[in-house]
Amino acid sequence: MLKKFNLNTLFNLIKKRFFLIIIKKEVIIIFNNRYPRIRSLREDHDLTQKEIAKILNMSQTGYSKYETGENDIPSKILIELAKYYKTSVDYLLGITEEIKPYP
């Protein structure tokens, strides 16, 4: 999705960390982060992208693309993340506000 923003709006979006901004040849491309909770949970657990990628047996670059929303997260990875963080896939996807996993 390509959008134009004024500088103040752009800085506010960066502060919220919900967007990845790529600047190429004066074109700004903004990817909406579809998975903000996986970044929040990783940071809450004081983990780097490299550390969580190692836990998931993948590259840091591949994991980073999940956090930014550039790539969809496969269900297998969602399940592994939910188990690791002791939450539900629904919470990771933003379907529920309840962080506790289902009984």
C-alpha atoms as a PDB file:
ATOM      1  CA  MET A   1       0.000   0.000   0.000  1.00  0.00           C
ATOM      2  CA  LEU A   2       1.503   3.325  -1.045  1.00  0.00           C
ATOM      3  CA  LYS A   3       0.562   6.394   0.970  1.00  0.00           C
ATOM      4  CA  LYS A   4       1.770   9.977   1.175  1.00  0.00           C
ATOM      5  CA  PHE A   5       2.239  11.514   4.616  1.00  0.00           C
ATOM      6  CA  ASN A   6       3.434  14.864   5.875  1.00  0.00           C
ATOM      7  CA  LEU A   7       6.573  14.768   8.043  1.00  0.00           C
ATOM      8  CA  ASN A   8       4.765  15.126  11.393  1.00  0.00           C
ATOM      9  CA  THR A   9       2.481  12.201  10.606  1.00  0.00           C
ATOM     10  CA  LEU A  10       5.440  10.168   9.407  1.00  0.00           C
ATOM     11  CA  PHE A  11       7.375  10.791  12.632  1.00  0.00           C
ATOM     12  CA  ASN A  12       4.336   9.815  14.720  1.00  0.00           C
ATOM     13  CA  LEU A  13       4.041   6.553  12.802  1.00  0.00           C
ATOM     14  CA  ILE A  14       7.717   5.828  13.377  1.00  0.00           C
ATOM     15  CA  LYS A  15       7.325   6.499  17.119  1.00  0.00           C
ATOM     16  CA  LYS A  16       4.499   3.961  17.310  1.00  0.00           C
ATOM     17  CA  ARG A  17       6.694   1.397  15.560  1.00  0.00           C
ATOM     18  CA  PHE A  18       3.734   0.007  13.644  1.00  0.00           C
ATOM     19  CA  PHE A  19       5.215   0.687  10.242  1.00  0.00           C
ATOM     20  CA  LEU A  20       8.261  -0.202   8.201  1.00  0.00           C
ATOM     21  CA  ILE A  21       9.388   2.607   5.966  1.00  0.00           C
ATOM     22  CA  ILE A  22      11.511   1.952   2.906  1.00  0.00           C
ATOM     23  CA  ILE A  23      12.815   4.877   0.918  1.00  0.00           C
ATOM     24  CA  LYS A  24      13.866   4.126  -2.661  1.00  0.00           C
ATOM     25  CA  LYS A  25      14.371   6.729  -5.331  1.00  0.00           C
ATOM     26  CA  GLU A  26      12.192   9.286  -3.518  1.00  0.00           C
ATOM     27  CA  VAL A  27       9.305   6.821  -3.135  1.00  0.00           C
ATOM     28  CA  ILE A  28       8.184   5.997   0.371  1.00  0.00           C
ATOM     29  CA  ILE A  29       6.624   2.583   0.826  1.00  0.00           C
ATOM     30  CA  ILE A  30       4.916   1.873   4.121  1.00  0.00           C
ATOM     31  CA  PHE A  31       4.087  -1.643   5.256  1.00  0.00           C
ATOM     32  CA  ASN A  32       1.472  -1.812   7.969  1.00  0.00           C
ATOM     33  CA  ASN A  33       2.649  -4.122  10.724  1.00  0.00           C
ATOM     34  CA  ARG A  34       0.029  -6.851  10.909  1.00  0.00           C
ATOM     35  CA  TYR A  35       1.714  -8.544  13.865  1.00  0.00           C
ATOM     36  CA  PRO A  36       2.647  -5.876  16.447  1.00  0.00           C
ATOM     37  CA  ARG A  37       2.271  -8.268  19.371  1.00  0.00           C
ATOM     38  CA  ILE A  38       5.122 -10.554  18.373  1.00  0.00           C
ATOM     39  CA  ARG A  39       7.507  -7.613  18.577  1.00  0.00           C
ATOM     40  CA  SER A  40       6.035  -6.429  21.876  1.00  0.00           C
ATOM     41  CA  LEU A  41       6.281  -9.888  23.427  1.00  0.00           C
ATOM     42  CA  ARG A  42       9.853 -10.344  22.185  1.00  0.00           C
ATOM     43  CA  GLU A  43      10.877  -6.993  23.669  1.00  0.00           C
ATOM     44  CA  ASP A  44       9.004  -7.729  26.931  1.00  0.00           C
ATOM     45  CA  HIS A  45      11.090 -10.920  27.219  1.00  0.00           C
ATOM     46  CA  ASP A  46      14.307  -8.967  26.517  1.00  0.00           C
ATOM     47  CA  LEU A  47      15.063 -11.002  23.403  1.00  0.00           C
ATOM     48  CA  THR A  48      16.678  -9.876  20.174  1.00  0.00           C
ATOM     49  CA  GLN A  49      15.342 -10.879  16.778  1.00  0.00           C
ATOM     50  CA  LYS A  50      18.406 -13.075  16.382  1.00  0.00           C
ATOM     51  CA  GLU A  51      17.680 -14.909  19.659  1.00  0.00           C
ATOM     52  CA  ILE A  52      14.017 -15.620  18.871  1.00  0.00           C
ATOM     53  CA  ALA A  53      14.946 -16.608  15.308  1.00  0.00           C
ATOM     54  CA  LYS A  54      17.393 -19.171  16.740  1.00  0.00           C
ATOM     55  CA  ILE A  55      14.637 -20.564  18.989  1.00  0.00           C
ATOM     56  CA  LEU A  56      12.448 -20.906  15.878  1.00  0.00           C
ATOM     57  CA  ASN A  57      15.310 -22.431  13.817  1.00  0.00           C
ATOM     58  CA  MET A  58      15.236 -19.679  11.221  1.00  0.00           C
ATOM     59  CA  SER A  59      17.247 -16.648  10.118  1.00  0.00           C
ATOM     60  CA  GLN A  60      16.996 -13.260  11.794  1.00  0.00           C
ATOM     61  CA  THR A  61      16.058 -11.753   8.421  1.00  0.00           C
ATOM     62  CA  GLY A  62      13.165 -14.187   7.999  1.00  0.00           C
ATOM     63  CA  TYR A  63      11.885 -13.476  11.492  1.00  0.00           C
ATOM     64  CA  SER A  64      12.228  -9.728  10.955  1.00  0.00           C
ATOM     65  CA  LYS A  65       9.904  -9.973   7.955  1.00  0.00           C
ATOM     66  CA  TYR A  66       7.225 -11.444  10.228  1.00  0.00           C
ATOM     67  CA  GLU A  67       7.535  -8.558  12.694  1.00  0.00           C
ATOM     68  CA  THR A  68       7.280  -5.937   9.977  1.00  0.00           C
ATOM     69  CA  GLY A  69       4.374  -7.664   8.258  1.00  0.00           C
ATOM     70  CA  GLU A  70       6.349  -8.068   5.052  1.00  0.00           C
ATOM     71  CA  ASN A  71       5.673 -11.842   5.224  1.00  0.00           C
ATOM     72  CA  ASP A  72       2.726 -13.705   6.698  1.00  0.00           C
ATOM     73  CA  ILE A  73       3.550 -15.953   9.642  1.00  0.00           C
ATOM     74  CA  PRO A  74       2.984 -19.663   8.952  1.00  0.00           C
ATOM     75  CA  SER A  75       0.664 -21.406  11.417  1.00  0.00           C
ATOM     76  CA  LYS A  76       3.525 -23.651  12.623  1.00  0.00           C
ATOM     77  CA  ILE A  77       5.543 -20.575  13.673  1.00  0.00           C
ATOM     78  CA  LEU A  78       2.488 -18.946  15.303  1.00  0.00           C
ATOM     79  CA  ILE A  79       1.946 -22.088  17.381  1.00  0.00           C
ATOM     80  CA  GLU A  80       5.629 -22.195  18.396  1.00  0.00           C
ATOM     81  CA  LEU A  81       5.541 -18.515  19.394  1.00  0.00           C
ATOM     82  CA  ALA A  82       2.322 -18.969  21.378  1.00  0.00           C
ATOM     83  CA  LYS A  83       3.834 -21.911  23.273  1.00  0.00           C
ATOM     84  CA  TYR A  84       7.095 -20.059  23.915  1.00  0.00           C
ATOM     85  CA  TYR A  85       5.364 -16.917  25.223  1.00  0.00           C
ATOM     86  CA  LYS A  86       2.679 -18.957  27.048  1.00  0.00           C
ATOM     87  CA  THR A  87      -0.174 -17.235  25.242  1.00  0.00           C
ATOM     88  CA  SER A  88      -2.627 -18.077  22.470  1.00  0.00           C
ATOM     89  CA  VAL A  89      -2.389 -17.708  18.706  1.00  0.00           C
ATOM     90  CA  ASP A  90      -5.525 -15.556  18.969  1.00  0.00           C
ATOM     91  CA  TYR A  91      -3.645 -13.132  21.206  1.00  0.00           C
ATOM     92  CA  LEU A  92      -0.669 -13.022  18.812  1.00  0.00           C
ATOM     93  CA  LEU A  93      -3.023 -12.206  15.932  1.00  0.00           C
ATOM     94  CA  GLY A  94      -4.900  -9.520  17.864  1.00  0.00           C
ATOM     95  CA  ILE A  95      -8.191 -11.449  17.941  1.00  0.00           C
ATOM     96  CA  THR A  96      -8.377 -11.332  21.741  1.00  0.00           C
ATOM     97  CA  GLU A  97      -7.010  -9.060  24.445  1.00  0.00           C
ATOM     98  CA  GLU A  98      -6.642 -12.031  26.835  1.00  0.00           C
ATOM     99  CA  ILE A  99      -2.944 -12.852  27.070  1.00  0.00           C
ATOM    100  CA  LYS A 100      -3.484 -16.097  29.013  1.00  0.00           C
ATOM    101  CA  PRO A 101      -3.603 -19.237  26.870  1.00  0.00           C
ATOM    102  CA  TYR A 102      -6.730 -21.314  26.635  1.00  0.00           C
ATOM    103  CA  PRO A 103      -7.064 -24.025  29.310  1.00  0.00           C
END
